[in-house]
Amino acid sequence: MMNKQHKLYIQIRSIEMGTYAATYKAELVLCVGNPMYFRDYPYKFKASQKHDINHTWTFNIVHEGTGNFLIVLYKHHLLGNKEIGQIQFSLAGFPPNTVVTQKFVMQSANPNAFPAVVEADIHVCENGAPAFHAPPAKLQEGGIVQTRFVLDTPEVKIC
């Protein structure tokens, strides 16, 4: 039986835009969560803040070791957000009770663009410790799930 204290903490530290164009005033949106509900957890910020985001999402782990989660980056547009990139992870790739800190290359939504990179801290907690209070670890094989699809309309403005 699963302990209700099992948590997934995801902190996005910074974003590198690759060849995607964004002025400092442009609004970006990060959505993080499981593949069915990631759009329910958006975080909006200005492109000028992309190197100092430090936003944390907290989720209860329902299916220990078998669940997936996404990080998706959008450029905000009035008529609908445009996808810049995404990356999907398997919980099985994260050693329990450790923190994986790494830069991850996102799958680019536009095949002509150099992909964005997200720097994140990811903590799978099974012992009730506070968020990110755990020893460091490396992402294990199979931690990144390869996908061949774009979730939403791709952003076309590139440098």
C-alpha atoms as a PDB file:
ATOM      1  CA  MET A   1       0.000   0.000   0.000  1.00  0.00           C
ATOM      2  CA  MET A   2       1.284   3.415  -0.888  1.00  0.00           C
ATOM      3  CA  ASN A   3       2.135   6.044   1.692  1.00  0.00           C
ATOM      4  CA  LYS A   4       0.271   9.340   1.134  1.00  0.00           C
ATOM      5  CA  GLN A   5       3.518  11.250   1.768  1.00  0.00           C
ATOM      6  CA  HIS A   6       5.012  10.210  -1.582  1.00  0.00           C
ATOM      7  CA  LYS A   7       5.553  13.446  -3.508  1.00  0.00           C
ATOM      8  CA  LEU A   8       7.068  14.697  -6.709  1.00  0.00           C
ATOM      9  CA  TYR A   9       8.676  18.143  -6.528  1.00  0.00           C
ATOM     10  CA  ILE A  10       9.710  19.873  -9.747  1.00  0.00           C
ATOM     11  CA  GLN A  11      11.537  23.196  -9.665  1.00  0.00           C
ATOM     12  CA  ILE A  12      12.338  24.963 -12.917  1.00  0.00           C
ATOM     13  CA  ARG A  13      15.380  27.179 -12.454  1.00  0.00           C
ATOM     14  CA  SER A  14      15.933  28.600 -15.922  1.00  0.00           C
ATOM     15  CA  ILE A  15      15.169  28.291 -19.625  1.00  0.00           C
ATOM     16  CA  GLU A  16      17.434  28.671 -22.651  1.00  0.00           C
ATOM     17  CA  MET A  17      15.295  29.502 -25.685  1.00  0.00           C
ATOM     18  CA  GLY A  18      17.404  27.825 -28.385  1.00  0.00           C
ATOM     19  CA  THR A  19      16.657  29.655 -31.646  1.00  0.00           C
ATOM     20  CA  TYR A  20      13.127  30.647 -30.639  1.00  0.00           C
ATOM     21  CA  ALA A  21      12.535  34.407 -30.777  1.00  0.00           C
ATOM     22  CA  ALA A  22      11.196  36.140 -27.660  1.00  0.00           C
ATOM     23  CA  THR A  23      11.531  39.778 -26.654  1.00  0.00           C
ATOM     24  CA  TYR A  24      12.039  40.557 -22.975  1.00  0.00           C
ATOM     25  CA  LYS A  25       8.387  41.643 -22.798  1.00  0.00           C
ATOM     26  CA  ALA A  26       7.097  38.379 -24.299  1.00  0.00           C
ATOM     27  CA  GLU A  27       5.147  36.123 -21.954  1.00  0.00           C
ATOM     28  CA  LEU A  28       6.146  32.503 -21.663  1.00  0.00           C
ATOM     29  CA  VAL A  29       4.139  29.726 -20.029  1.00  0.00           C
ATOM     30  CA  LEU A  30       5.444  26.563 -18.407  1.00  0.00           C
ATOM     31  CA  CYS A  31       3.000  23.717 -17.845  1.00  0.00           C
ATOM     32  CA  VAL A  32       4.074  20.771 -15.719  1.00  0.00           C
ATOM     33  CA  GLY A  33       2.175  17.638 -14.760  1.00  0.00           C
ATOM     34  CA  ASN A  34       1.042  14.244 -15.936  1.00  0.00           C
ATOM     35  CA  PRO A  35       0.264  13.833 -19.647  1.00  0.00           C
ATOM     36  CA  MET A  36      -3.499  14.103 -19.079  1.00  0.00           C
ATOM     37  CA  TYR A  37      -3.569  17.212 -16.873  1.00  0.00           C
ATOM     38  CA  PHE A  38      -0.347  19.186 -17.408  1.00  0.00           C
ATOM     39  CA  ARG A  39      -2.283  22.182 -18.820  1.00  0.00           C
ATOM     40  CA  ASP A  40      -4.014  22.529 -15.426  1.00  0.00           C
ATOM     41  CA  TYR A  41      -0.735  23.701 -13.839  1.00  0.00           C
ATOM     42  CA  PRO A  42       0.510  26.717 -15.837  1.00  0.00           C
ATOM     43  CA  TYR A  43       3.081  29.244 -14.680  1.00  0.00           C
ATOM     44  CA  LYS A  44       3.330  32.513 -16.673  1.00  0.00           C
ATOM     45  CA  PHE A  45       6.444  34.642 -16.662  1.00  0.00           C
ATOM     46  CA  LYS A  46       8.169  37.276 -18.790  1.00  0.00           C
ATOM     47  CA  ALA A  47      10.976  36.200 -21.112  1.00  0.00           C
ATOM     48  CA  SER A  48      13.209  38.627 -19.192  1.00  0.00           C
ATOM     49  CA  GLN A  49      12.860  36.254 -16.191  1.00  0.00           C
ATOM     50  CA  LYS A  50      13.877  33.101 -18.085  1.00  0.00           C
ATOM     51  CA  HIS A  51      17.230  32.823 -16.284  1.00  0.00           C
ATOM     52  CA  ASP A  52      15.746  33.161 -12.793  1.00  0.00           C
ATOM     53  CA  ILE A  53      12.419  31.328 -12.672  1.00  0.00           C
ATOM     54  CA  ASN A  54      12.634  29.201  -9.499  1.00  0.00           C
ATOM     55  CA  HIS A  55       9.011  28.056  -9.577  1.00  0.00           C
ATOM     56  CA  THR A  56       8.096  24.762  -7.881  1.00  0.00           C
ATOM     57  CA  TRP A  57       5.254  22.329  -8.612  1.00  0.00           C
ATOM     58  CA  THR A  58       4.250  19.670  -6.070  1.00  0.00           C
ATOM     59  CA  PHE A  59       2.318  16.523  -6.960  1.00  0.00           C
ATOM     60  CA  ASN A  60       1.191  13.450  -5.072  1.00  0.00           C
ATOM     61  CA  ILE A  61       2.617  10.287  -6.603  1.00  0.00           C
ATOM     62  CA  VAL A  62      -0.292   8.002  -7.429  1.00  0.00           C
ATOM     63  CA  HIS A  63       1.362   5.198  -9.404  1.00  0.00           C
ATOM     64  CA  GLU A  64       4.793   4.805  -7.898  1.00  0.00           C
ATOM     65  CA  GLY A  65       7.496   4.040 -10.441  1.00  0.00           C
ATOM     66  CA  THR A  66       5.102   3.822 -13.392  1.00  0.00           C
ATOM     67  CA  GLY A  67       3.866   7.367 -13.892  1.00  0.00           C
ATOM     68  CA  ASN A  68       5.049   9.929 -16.426  1.00  0.00           C
ATOM     69  CA  PHE A  69       5.143  13.709 -16.283  1.00  0.00           C
ATOM     70  CA  LEU A  70       5.686  16.474 -18.815  1.00  0.00           C
ATOM     71  CA  ILE A  71       7.342  19.861 -18.872  1.00  0.00           C
ATOM     72  CA  VAL A  72       5.984  21.963 -21.748  1.00  0.00           C
ATOM     73  CA  LEU A  73       7.102  25.486 -22.688  1.00  0.00           C
ATOM     74  CA  TYR A  74       4.791  27.824 -24.600  1.00  0.00           C
ATOM     75  CA  LYS A  75       4.995  31.353 -25.934  1.00  0.00           C
ATOM     76  CA  HIS A  76       1.832  33.163 -24.872  1.00  0.00           C
ATOM     77  CA  HIS A  77      -0.351  34.544 -27.679  1.00  0.00           C
ATOM     78  CA  LEU A  78      -3.772  36.180 -27.355  1.00  0.00           C
ATOM     79  CA  LEU A  79      -5.363  33.664 -29.729  1.00  0.00           C
ATOM     80  CA  GLY A  80      -3.756  30.649 -28.090  1.00  0.00           C
ATOM     81  CA  ASN A  81      -0.371  29.629 -26.770  1.00  0.00           C
ATOM     82  CA  LYS A  82       2.214  28.279 -29.222  1.00  0.00           C
ATOM     83  CA  GLU A  83       4.335  25.319 -28.189  1.00  0.00           C
ATOM     84  CA  ILE A  84       8.098  25.841 -28.081  1.00  0.00           C
ATOM     85  CA  GLY A  85       9.119  22.483 -26.674  1.00  0.00           C
ATOM     86  CA  GLN A  86       8.355  19.614 -24.366  1.00  0.00           C
ATOM     87  CA  ILE A  87      10.052  16.841 -22.490  1.00  0.00           C
ATOM     88  CA  GLN A  88       8.408  13.798 -20.939  1.00  0.00           C
ATOM     89  CA  PHE A  89       9.860  11.858 -18.015  1.00  0.00           C
ATOM     90  CA  SER A  90       9.221   8.484 -16.423  1.00  0.00           C
ATOM     91  CA  LEU A  91       9.199   8.424 -12.623  1.00  0.00           C
ATOM     92  CA  ALA A  92      11.108   5.137 -12.843  1.00  0.00           C
ATOM     93  CA  GLY A  93      14.181   7.113 -13.984  1.00  0.00           C
ATOM     94  CA  PHE A  94      14.436   9.047 -10.723  1.00  0.00           C
ATOM     95  CA  PRO A  95      15.998   7.348  -7.698  1.00  0.00           C
ATOM     96  CA  PRO A  96      13.656   7.776  -4.695  1.00  0.00           C
ATOM     97  CA  ASN A  97      14.619  10.237  -1.969  1.00  0.00           C
ATOM     98  CA  THR A  98      17.183  12.049  -4.111  1.00  0.00           C
ATOM     99  CA  VAL A  99      17.291  15.241  -6.168  1.00  0.00           C
ATOM    100  CA  VAL A 100      18.230  15.175  -9.844  1.00  0.00           C
ATOM    101  CA  THR A 101      19.522  18.572 -10.999  1.00  0.00           C
ATOM    102  CA  GLN A 102      20.164  18.788 -14.696  1.00  0.00           C
ATOM    103  CA  LYS A 103      19.693  20.725 -17.923  1.00  0.00           C
ATOM    104  CA  PHE A 104      17.307  18.889 -20.247  1.00  0.00           C
ATOM    105  CA  VAL A 105      17.029  19.472 -23.992  1.00  0.00           C
ATOM    106  CA  MET A 106      13.366  19.746 -24.908  1.00  0.00           C
ATOM    107  CA  GLN A 107      11.824  18.181 -27.998  1.00  0.00           C
ATOM    108  CA  SER A 108      11.383  21.153 -30.306  1.00  0.00           C
ATOM    109  CA  ALA A 109       7.867  21.812 -31.589  1.00  0.00           C
ATOM    110  CA  ASN A 110       9.308  23.387 -34.743  1.00  0.00           C
ATOM    111  CA  PRO A 111      11.635  21.057 -36.696  1.00  0.00           C
ATOM    112  CA  ASN A 112      13.557  24.081 -38.047  1.00  0.00           C
ATOM    113  CA  ALA A 113      14.416  25.458 -34.606  1.00  0.00           C
ATOM    114  CA  PHE A 114      17.293  24.637 -32.304  1.00  0.00           C
ATOM    115  CA  PRO A 115      15.545  23.263 -29.178  1.00  0.00           C
ATOM    116  CA  ALA A 116      14.993  25.033 -25.894  1.00  0.00           C
ATOM    117  CA  VAL A 117      16.729  23.755 -22.755  1.00  0.00           C
ATOM    118  CA  VAL A 118      15.206  23.659 -19.291  1.00  0.00           C
ATOM    119  CA  GLU A 119      17.243  23.512 -16.070  1.00  0.00           C
ATOM    120  CA  ALA A 120      15.323  21.671 -13.374  1.00  0.00           C
ATOM    121  CA  ASP A 121      15.572  20.100  -9.938  1.00  0.00           C
ATOM    122  CA  ILE A 122      13.395  16.987  -9.637  1.00  0.00           C
ATOM    123  CA  HIS A 123      12.832  15.278  -6.282  1.00  0.00           C
ATOM    124  CA  VAL A 124      10.893  12.033  -5.880  1.00  0.00           C
ATOM    125  CA  CYS A 125      10.212  11.883  -2.142  1.00  0.00           C
ATOM    126  CA  GLU A 126       9.047   8.702  -0.423  1.00  0.00           C
ATOM    127  CA  ASN A 127      10.264   9.441   3.107  1.00  0.00           C
ATOM    128  CA  GLY A 128       8.396  12.655   3.950  1.00  0.00           C
ATOM    129  CA  ALA A 129      11.465  14.923   3.738  1.00  0.00           C
ATOM    130  CA  PRO A 130      10.930  18.584   2.835  1.00  0.00           C
ATOM    131  CA  ALA A 131      11.167  19.511  -0.833  1.00  0.00           C
ATOM    132  CA  PHE A 132      14.712  19.245  -2.213  1.00  0.00           C
ATOM    133  CA  HIS A 133      16.160  18.125   1.141  1.00  0.00           C
ATOM    134  CA  ALA A 134      17.776  14.989  -0.244  1.00  0.00           C
ATOM    135  CA  PRO A 135      21.144  13.915  -1.632  1.00  0.00           C
ATOM    136  CA  PRO A 136      21.946  14.520  -5.300  1.00  0.00           C
ATOM    137  CA  ALA A 137      21.549  11.783  -7.904  1.00  0.00           C
ATOM    138  CA  LYS A 138      21.727  11.261 -11.640  1.00  0.00           C
ATOM    139  CA  LEU A 139      18.800  10.530 -13.930  1.00  0.00           C
ATOM    140  CA  GLN A 140      18.731   6.802 -14.638  1.00  0.00           C
ATOM    141  CA  GLU A 141      18.370   5.142 -18.024  1.00  0.00           C
ATOM    142  CA  GLY A 142      14.797   5.327 -19.273  1.00  0.00           C
ATOM    143  CA  GLY A 143      14.096   8.526 -17.352  1.00  0.00           C
ATOM    144  CA  ILE A 144      13.322  10.471 -20.524  1.00  0.00           C
ATOM    145  CA  VAL A 145      10.416   9.190 -22.601  1.00  0.00           C
ATOM    146  CA  GLN A 146      10.858   9.769 -26.329  1.00  0.00           C
ATOM    147  CA  THR A 147       7.756  11.192 -27.994  1.00  0.00           C
ATOM    148  CA  ARG A 148       7.079  11.869 -31.662  1.00  0.00           C
ATOM    149  CA  PHE A 149       4.258  14.345 -31.411  1.00  0.00           C
ATOM    150  CA  VAL A 150       3.632  18.031 -30.862  1.00  0.00           C
ATOM    151  CA  LEU A 151       0.955  18.703 -28.247  1.00  0.00           C
ATOM    152  CA  ASP A 152      -0.261  22.063 -29.549  1.00  0.00           C
ATOM    153  CA  THR A 153       0.288  24.550 -32.376  1.00  0.00           C
ATOM    154  CA  PRO A 154       4.048  25.053 -32.763  1.00  0.00           C
ATOM    155  CA  GLU A 155       5.708  28.452 -32.437  1.00  0.00           C
ATOM    156  CA  VAL A 156       7.069  29.488 -35.845  1.00  0.00           C
ATOM    157  CA  LYS A 157       9.098  32.597 -34.947  1.00  0.00           C
ATOM    158  CA  ILE A 158      12.739  31.604 -34.759  1.00  0.00           C
ATOM    159  CA  CYS A 159      15.990  33.584 -34.980  1.00  0.00           C
END
